[in-house]
Protein backbone atom coordinates (compact mmCIF):
# COMPACT_ATOMS: atom_id res chain seq x y z
CA MET A 1 88.91 109.24 84.59
CA THR A 2 88.22 105.75 85.58
CA ALA A 3 90.55 104.45 82.84
CA ALA A 4 93.26 106.54 84.71
CA LEU A 5 92.29 104.60 87.37
CA ALA A 6 92.24 101.61 86.35
CA ARG A 7 96.12 102.07 84.71
CA LEU A 8 96.40 101.80 87.89
CA GLY A 9 95.05 99.03 88.99
CA VAL A 10 92.14 100.92 90.97
CA HIS A 11 89.04 100.02 90.18
CA ARG A 12 85.75 101.49 91.31
CA ILE A 13 82.79 99.42 92.61
CA PRO A 14 79.51 101.99 94.00
CA VAL A 15 77.28 100.32 96.18
CA PRO A 16 73.68 102.00 96.27
CA VAL A 17 72.75 103.40 99.99
CA PRO A 18 69.38 103.53 100.84
CA PHE A 19 69.95 107.42 101.93
CA PRO A 20 70.10 110.29 98.93
CA GLU A 21 71.12 113.08 101.84
CA ALA A 22 75.20 110.99 100.26
CA GLY A 23 75.79 112.09 97.41
CA GLY A 24 74.69 108.78 95.50
CA PRO A 25 75.91 105.53 96.07
CA ALA A 26 79.00 104.60 98.40
CA ASN A 27 82.83 104.42 96.13
CA VAL A 28 84.85 100.86 96.51
CA TYR A 29 88.30 101.35 95.38
CA ALA A 30 89.90 98.25 94.60
CA ILE A 31 93.46 98.23 94.78
CA GLU A 32 95.50 95.59 93.16
CA GLU A 33 98.63 94.81 95.86
CA GLU A 34 102.12 93.54 94.78
CA GLY A 35 102.18 89.97 95.11
CA GLY A 36 98.71 89.61 94.25
CA GLY A 37 95.83 89.60 95.84
CA TYR A 38 93.39 93.61 95.61
CA ALA A 39 93.03 96.07 99.12
CA LEU A 40 89.83 97.93 99.95
CA PHE A 41 89.69 101.53 100.36
CA ASP A 42 86.60 102.10 101.95
CA ALA A 43 83.89 98.49 101.43
CA GLY A 44 80.55 99.49 101.18
CA ILE A 45 77.11 99.05 103.67
CA GLY A 46 75.74 95.73 104.61
CA THR A 47 72.74 95.57 103.79
CA LYS A 48 71.55 93.12 100.87
CA GLU A 49 71.94 96.24 98.48
CA GLY A 50 75.29 96.33 98.71
CA ARG A 51 76.85 93.35 99.27
CA ASP A 52 74.60 91.85 95.68
CA ALA A 53 76.82 95.51 94.57
CA LEU A 54 80.14 94.87 95.90
CA LEU A 55 80.26 90.81 95.08
CA ALA A 56 79.27 91.91 91.89
CA GLY A 57 81.99 94.09 91.27
CA PHE A 58 84.23 91.22 92.55
CA ARG A 59 83.03 89.43 90.17
CA ARG A 60 83.20 91.49 87.11
CA LEU A 61 87.20 91.72 88.15
CA GLY A 62 87.23 88.29 88.13
CA ILE A 63 87.93 87.93 92.13
CA SER A 64 86.39 87.41 95.43
CA LEU A 65 86.73 88.36 98.98
CA GLY A 66 89.16 85.45 99.50
CA ASP A 67 91.56 88.01 97.38
CA VAL A 68 91.32 90.94 99.56
CA ARG A 69 94.39 90.93 101.33
CA ARG A 70 94.33 94.70 103.67
CA ILE A 71 90.56 97.16 104.36
CA PHE A 72 91.50 100.63 105.14
CA ILE A 73 88.53 102.19 106.09
CA SER A 74 87.89 106.66 105.07
CA HIS A 75 85.73 107.01 108.27
CA GLY A 76 83.16 105.83 110.34
CA HIS A 77 80.27 106.27 108.51
CA ILE A 78 78.04 102.71 107.85
CA ASP A 79 78.09 103.73 104.35
CA HIS A 80 81.71 103.11 104.56
CA TYR A 81 82.68 100.29 107.09
CA GLY A 82 79.83 98.80 107.15
CA TYR A 83 80.38 95.33 105.15
CA ALA A 84 83.76 95.35 106.20
CA ARG A 85 83.13 92.67 109.24
CA ALA A 86 81.53 89.97 106.42
CA ALA A 87 84.75 90.98 104.48
CA GLN A 88 87.62 91.19 106.62
CA GLU A 89 85.62 87.61 107.48
CA ALA A 90 85.15 85.63 104.22
CA SER A 91 88.90 87.38 103.36
CA GLY A 92 90.96 87.84 107.21
CA ALA A 93 92.06 90.95 105.85
CA LYS A 94 92.94 93.15 108.70
CA VAL A 95 91.33 95.98 108.67
CA PHE A 96 92.13 100.03 109.23
CA ALA A 97 91.27 103.21 110.14
CA HIS A 98 92.31 106.32 111.44
CA ALA A 99 91.93 106.46 116.32
CA ARG A 100 89.86 109.11 116.57
CA ASP A 101 87.27 106.32 114.33
CA HIS A 102 87.15 103.90 115.86
CA ASP A 103 84.90 103.77 118.90
CA LYS A 104 82.52 104.16 115.32
CA LEU A 105 84.21 100.97 114.24
CA THR A 106 84.41 98.45 116.90
CA GLY A 107 80.56 99.75 118.53
CA ARG A 108 81.45 102.11 121.16
CA ASP A 109 80.04 104.53 119.96
CA ARG A 110 76.77 103.23 119.99
CA THR A 111 76.66 102.27 123.60
CA GLY A 112 73.21 103.66 125.59
CA LYS A 113 75.78 105.32 128.13
CA ARG A 114 77.36 107.74 124.63
CA LEU A 115 73.30 107.75 123.80
CA GLU A 116 72.98 109.69 127.11
CA VAL A 117 75.43 112.40 126.22
CA TYR A 118 74.71 112.69 122.66
CA ALA A 119 70.49 113.39 124.71
CA ALA A 120 72.22 115.52 126.98
CA TYR A 121 73.74 117.78 125.07
CA LEU A 122 70.93 118.29 122.50
CA SER A 123 69.29 119.09 125.13
CA ARG A 124 71.74 122.09 125.78
CA LEU A 125 71.21 123.71 121.97
CA GLY A 126 67.79 123.84 122.66
CA ALA A 127 66.83 120.65 120.32
CA PRO A 128 63.35 118.93 121.11
CA ALA A 129 63.30 115.92 123.17
CA HIS A 130 62.11 113.99 120.37
CA LEU A 131 65.41 114.99 118.29
CA LEU A 132 67.30 111.89 120.94
CA ASP A 133 64.11 110.14 118.40
CA HIS A 134 66.03 110.78 115.29
CA VAL A 135 69.81 109.21 116.81
CA LYS A 136 68.63 106.29 118.16
CA ILE A 137 67.44 105.10 114.90
CA TYR A 138 70.80 106.55 113.39
CA ARG A 139 72.85 103.46 116.03
CA GLN A 140 69.71 100.85 114.89
CA ASP A 141 70.27 101.46 111.14
CA ALA A 142 73.73 100.77 111.54
CA LEU A 143 73.66 97.76 114.28
CA ARG A 144 71.02 96.37 110.94
CA MET A 145 73.87 97.90 108.45
CA ALA A 146 77.76 97.64 109.85
CA ARG A 147 78.37 94.51 112.24
CA PRO A 148 81.32 96.00 114.15
CA LEU A 149 84.55 95.27 114.28
CA GLU A 150 86.22 93.19 116.83
CA GLN A 151 89.93 94.28 115.83
CA VAL A 152 90.84 97.04 113.90
CA GLU A 153 94.05 98.48 113.19
CA LEU A 154 95.97 101.75 113.33
CA LEU A 155 96.06 104.07 110.27
CA ALA A 156 98.60 106.77 110.82
CA PRO A 157 98.94 109.80 109.24
CA GLY A 158 101.78 110.33 106.76
CA GLU A 159 102.00 106.41 106.69
CA VAL A 160 102.26 105.37 103.04
CA LEU A 161 100.81 102.76 101.43
CA ARG A 162 102.48 100.92 98.62
CA PHE A 163 100.28 98.69 95.60
CA LYS A 164 101.22 96.97 92.87
CA ARG A 165 101.50 99.85 90.92
CA PHE A 166 101.63 103.75 92.75
CA SER A 167 102.16 104.42 96.52
CA ALA A 168 99.33 107.08 98.47
CA GLU A 169 100.56 108.96 101.33
CA VAL A 170 97.70 108.75 104.92
CA LEU A 171 96.70 112.35 105.26
CA HIS A 172 94.57 113.53 107.88
CA LEU A 173 91.68 115.62 106.77
CA PRO A 174 88.89 115.60 110.09
CA GLY A 175 86.28 117.18 109.70
CA HIS A 176 83.13 114.98 108.00
CA THR A 177 83.83 112.88 111.14
CA PRO A 178 87.16 113.12 113.19
CA GLY A 179 89.50 110.87 111.98
CA LEU A 180 88.64 110.80 108.09
CA VAL A 181 91.66 110.53 106.17
CA CYS A 182 91.95 110.92 102.58
CA LEU A 183 94.20 108.33 100.29
CA TRP A 184 96.94 111.39 98.20
CA ALA A 185 98.68 109.56 95.57
CA ALA A 186 101.61 112.25 94.53
CA GLN A 187 103.31 110.90 91.41
CA PRO A 188 100.05 109.91 89.32
CA ARG A 189 98.33 113.34 91.36
CA VAL A 190 95.31 110.65 91.82
CA LEU A 191 93.62 112.33 95.41
CA PHE A 192 90.71 109.20 96.74
CA SER A 193 89.21 111.96 98.69
CA ASP A 194 86.05 110.01 99.90
CA ASP A 195 83.63 111.60 101.68
CA HIS A 196 85.46 115.26 102.33
CA LEU A 197 85.57 116.31 99.24
CA LEU A 198 82.54 115.71 96.28
CA GLU A 199 82.13 117.30 93.18
CA ARG A 200 78.19 118.35 94.45
CA VAL A 201 77.94 117.27 97.26
CA SER A 202 79.34 120.30 100.52
CA PRO A 203 79.90 117.36 103.67
CA ASN A 204 77.62 117.57 106.54
CA PRO A 205 79.82 118.79 109.03
CA LEU A 206 78.44 116.65 111.62
CA LEU A 207 78.29 116.92 115.50
CA ASP A 208 80.58 114.65 116.64
CA LEU A 209 81.07 113.80 121.20
CA GLU A 210 83.46 111.56 120.81
CA GLY A 211 81.89 109.91 123.83
CA GLN A 212 82.31 113.45 125.49
CA PRO A 213 79.77 115.62 126.94
CA GLU A 214 81.44 118.79 125.25
CA PRO A 215 82.34 118.71 121.64
CA THR A 216 86.43 119.40 121.46
CA HIS A 217 85.76 118.26 117.42
CA LYS A 218 84.65 121.52 116.38
CA ALA A 219 83.57 119.81 113.00
CA LEU A 220 82.84 122.59 110.72
CA VAL A 221 86.49 124.56 111.75
CA ALA A 222 87.90 121.80 110.47
CA TYR A 223 86.79 121.28 107.23
CA LEU A 224 87.38 124.33 106.03
CA ASP A 225 91.30 123.88 107.38
CA SER A 226 91.26 120.59 106.31
CA ALA A 227 89.95 121.88 102.39
CA ARG A 228 92.74 124.34 102.55
CA ARG A 229 94.99 122.01 102.72
CA ALA A 230 93.48 119.41 99.57
CA ARG A 231 92.85 122.99 97.91
CA ALA A 232 96.81 123.13 98.06
CA LEU A 233 97.77 119.31 96.58
CA PRO A 234 98.19 118.57 93.06
CA ALA A 235 95.64 117.00 91.74
CA ALA A 236 94.94 115.97 87.70
CA VAL A 237 92.14 112.86 89.25
CA ILE A 238 89.73 112.78 92.46
CA ALA A 239 87.97 109.87 93.11
CA PRO A 240 86.28 110.70 95.95
CA GLY A 241 83.90 107.94 98.34
CA HIS A 242 80.07 109.12 96.08
CA SER A 243 79.43 108.84 92.41
CA GLU A 244 82.17 109.60 89.71
CA PRO A 245 86.00 110.38 89.76
CA PHE A 246 86.55 114.15 88.44
CA SER A 247 88.87 116.66 88.37
CA GLY A 248 89.15 120.54 89.31
CA HIS A 249 88.65 120.29 92.77
CA GLN A 250 90.67 123.89 93.47
CA GLU A 251 87.12 125.16 91.41
CA VAL A 252 85.85 122.63 93.91
CA ILE A 253 86.12 124.11 97.05
CA ASP A 254 86.12 127.64 96.16
CA ARG A 255 82.45 127.30 95.69
CA LEU A 256 81.87 124.89 98.74
CA ILE A 257 84.32 128.05 101.02
CA ALA A 258 82.14 130.68 98.97
CA PHE A 259 79.07 128.38 100.04
CA TYR A 260 79.70 127.69 103.50
CA GLU A 261 80.94 131.97 104.24
CA LYS A 262 76.88 132.95 103.00
CA ARG A 263 75.24 130.74 104.93
CA GLN A 264 77.30 132.10 108.27
CA GLU A 265 75.84 135.85 106.72
CA ARG A 266 72.86 134.38 106.23
CA ILE A 267 73.00 132.62 110.34
CA LEU A 268 74.83 136.55 111.41
CA ASP A 269 71.58 138.34 109.75
CA LEU A 270 69.88 135.80 112.19
CA LEU A 271 71.32 136.42 115.28
CA ARG A 272 71.60 140.22 115.09
CA GLN A 273 68.53 140.07 115.49
CA GLY A 274 68.89 138.55 119.49
CA PRO A 275 70.52 135.07 120.99
CA ARG A 276 69.08 132.34 120.00
CA THR A 277 70.65 128.30 120.67
CA PRO A 278 71.29 126.78 117.54
CA ALA A 279 68.11 124.99 117.14
CA ALA A 280 66.19 127.53 117.26
CA LEU A 281 68.17 128.16 113.88
CA ALA A 282 67.97 125.29 112.52
CA PRO A 283 64.23 126.02 110.73
CA LEU A 284 64.81 129.55 110.15
CA VAL A 285 68.10 128.52 108.22
CA PHE A 286 66.43 125.68 106.73
CA PRO A 287 62.89 126.24 105.98
CA HIS A 288 62.65 123.26 103.90
CA ALA A 289 64.10 120.38 106.24
CA ARG A 290 61.97 117.34 106.99
CA GLU A 291 61.71 116.61 110.79
CA HIS A 292 63.94 113.42 110.59
CA GLN A 293 66.67 115.83 108.77
CA LEU A 294 66.62 117.59 111.46
CA TYR A 295 69.59 115.99 113.59
CA LEU A 296 71.87 116.85 109.68
CA THR A 297 70.26 121.01 110.59
CA LEU A 298 71.35 121.09 113.34
CA SER A 299 74.97 119.78 113.32
CA GLU A 300 74.98 122.73 110.26
CA VAL A 301 73.71 125.34 112.17
CA MET A 302 76.31 124.18 115.06
CA GLY A 303 79.24 123.91 112.78
CA ASN A 304 78.84 127.89 111.44
CA LEU A 305 78.61 128.94 114.11
CA GLU A 306 81.62 127.77 115.24
CA VAL A 307 83.22 129.17 112.41
CA LEU A 308 81.93 132.21 113.56
CA GLU A 309 82.58 132.16 116.58
CA ALA A 310 86.40 131.41 116.01
CA ARG A 311 86.39 134.47 113.92
CA HIS A 312 84.64 136.78 116.94
CA LEU A 313 81.77 137.43 115.74
CA VAL A 314 79.09 135.34 117.88
CA ALA A 315 79.18 134.52 121.69
CA ARG A 316 77.90 131.99 123.14
CA SER A 317 76.25 131.79 127.16
CA GLU A 318 74.45 129.56 128.91
CA ARG A 319 71.66 130.55 130.71
CA ASP A 320 68.81 127.62 131.82
CA GLY A 321 70.53 125.09 131.08
CA GLN A 322 70.84 125.98 126.88
CA ILE A 323 73.64 127.90 124.49
CA HIS A 324 73.07 130.19 122.73
CA PHE A 325 74.44 132.53 120.84
CA GLU A 326 74.58 136.44 119.63
CA ALA A 327 75.87 138.39 117.60
CA CYS A 328 79.16 140.53 118.42
CA THR A 329 78.63 144.46 118.87
CA LEU A 330 81.74 145.62 116.37
CA ARG A 331 83.51 148.37 117.75
CA ALA A 332 84.89 151.54 116.04
């Protein structure tokens, strides 16, 4: 797989990240440009270890940051864009991302006002007050590992990006984040899938309010729709956001969908015992999760509840300021 990418002028540079939930080092893809230089698909994380790994990868290629011409960011998580500001400053390259993830890259999603919006919504989900501390820590990590960008250009769905040895279409595949994009190189049948599709790790359908008091982005509903779109692609090679390139993406997606269906059945069984808040369900669905993972587990539970709600298998209500879900009664 690596050799197939190299023939296309694509060079994978793994960059270590400090959180195991990511599924291993984050991949930066250096892609040979027409007329010389390189484009980056993702830019790694802004830690010392991340910077050192990226620059070591550049040295192996015989290039420097000054050879970077364009930077494309797959989505607004710090392990994928954290070093973009430094790379931009060293190269003068423009940074491109989907509009719905711009606020993450520019830091607008880290403000105190946004934090208050998250606090209010998490409270409605039944979350304990100290869960907000984990959200605050994440934002502190973001400040430490990802400097905000002053300017991010629009990366439009359907746009065709031309590189030295191939072209790729920008696919908007929301789910993991509202603005996640993949690159589809149809002729060599390569999908640059970043965190949309990983071989051994299920992407977290994270709660994402986009500055609104009520989410319009239903993460897992959107993700499953995007996964089915990706499944229809005749891809021979998947170049993911973490770990090695792989093949057999349809089987990976089928396993993932079956995995979520099993989890949804578990949630339905719990709700048949009576209504619960999403936060009350989280430790029952994830009994071995650690406290610092509470935001991830609550996001997973809420994502699956929204899928069940879309299928009319559960109903929500709100009382005493908290959202509850209950199993729908099947009618004969």
